[in-house]
């Protein structure tokens, strides 16, 4: 266990620092293994994500796994897909067995769900002792529940697999899946532009906010999901991040950053670490990237991707 904890720190210390600015970011993918999406079978999706990451020479990403999805519907064969990510040099971590929401789940049951996922994960190649809260829900307004989970993770040797940057790609995926199911024409280029641009903007937003509230540039952790959109556009996203001045680093390097030790006390425990730190520092809302507002994202999607705007 000590070796697992020290390795990421050594990686970060040895990592070359960009000369101009320390804009460093790692990639994470939630909800693996997911079922069929708008365009690909689950197997096709995994193959494309692995290939795209390799083609742009992206470093180690982390896939947060829900073992309870294995063998369920399109999740059949999911274990092989998880193994394929690890074989490609990526790592895996805990996202709960059944993806429960802490605010509406009994504390003991929630911890049992974590334990069930750990039982599947802990002896597998590529495992990291990280837990990411499903829905980024760390208890909401229930501070007793929040603190019980913080203690429970520590007792299990797990750390919070926090997020610092996101643009609600799960919502963009859902809109795309619904449009495909309805037989609507989808402008793939416009869709890719939104996926890529919104994530780069979210990273820049998080960088600016972290500098404002911490006075430095911690390594960012970008939240993505194991979706068909990632399969289509992850290569473009990595290239766009680099063009915007970002160095894409490993998940190990990101979670070696001291920012991970922060446990801000906010009125409601949910969302990104960036937002929580800003809230604790007294920054007024909005403390989140604009396209995390799903009504705004939906309007732009319908206009640009489906051509259903008011002027169409």
Foldseek 3Di string as FASTA:
>chain_A
DVCLLVVLLVVLVPDDADPPARFAAAEEAEEPPDQDALPDGSVLLLVLLLVLCVVLVFAAYEYAYQLLLCPPVSNDVRVVSVVSSVVSPYAYEHAFNHLDALQPDDLVVRLVRRVVRCVVAVPDPRYHQEYERRQQAQHWQPVVSNVSVVVSSVVVVHAYLFAQFEQPVVLLRVVSRVCSVVVFAWDVVLSLCCVQVLRLVRSVLSQVLCCVLPVGGAHGYYYHHSGVSSSVHVSVNVVVNVVVPYDYDHSSNRVSTPLSVDDADASTRGDGSSLRSCRSSPNDPPSGRPSSPVVVVVQVCCCRTRVNHPVD
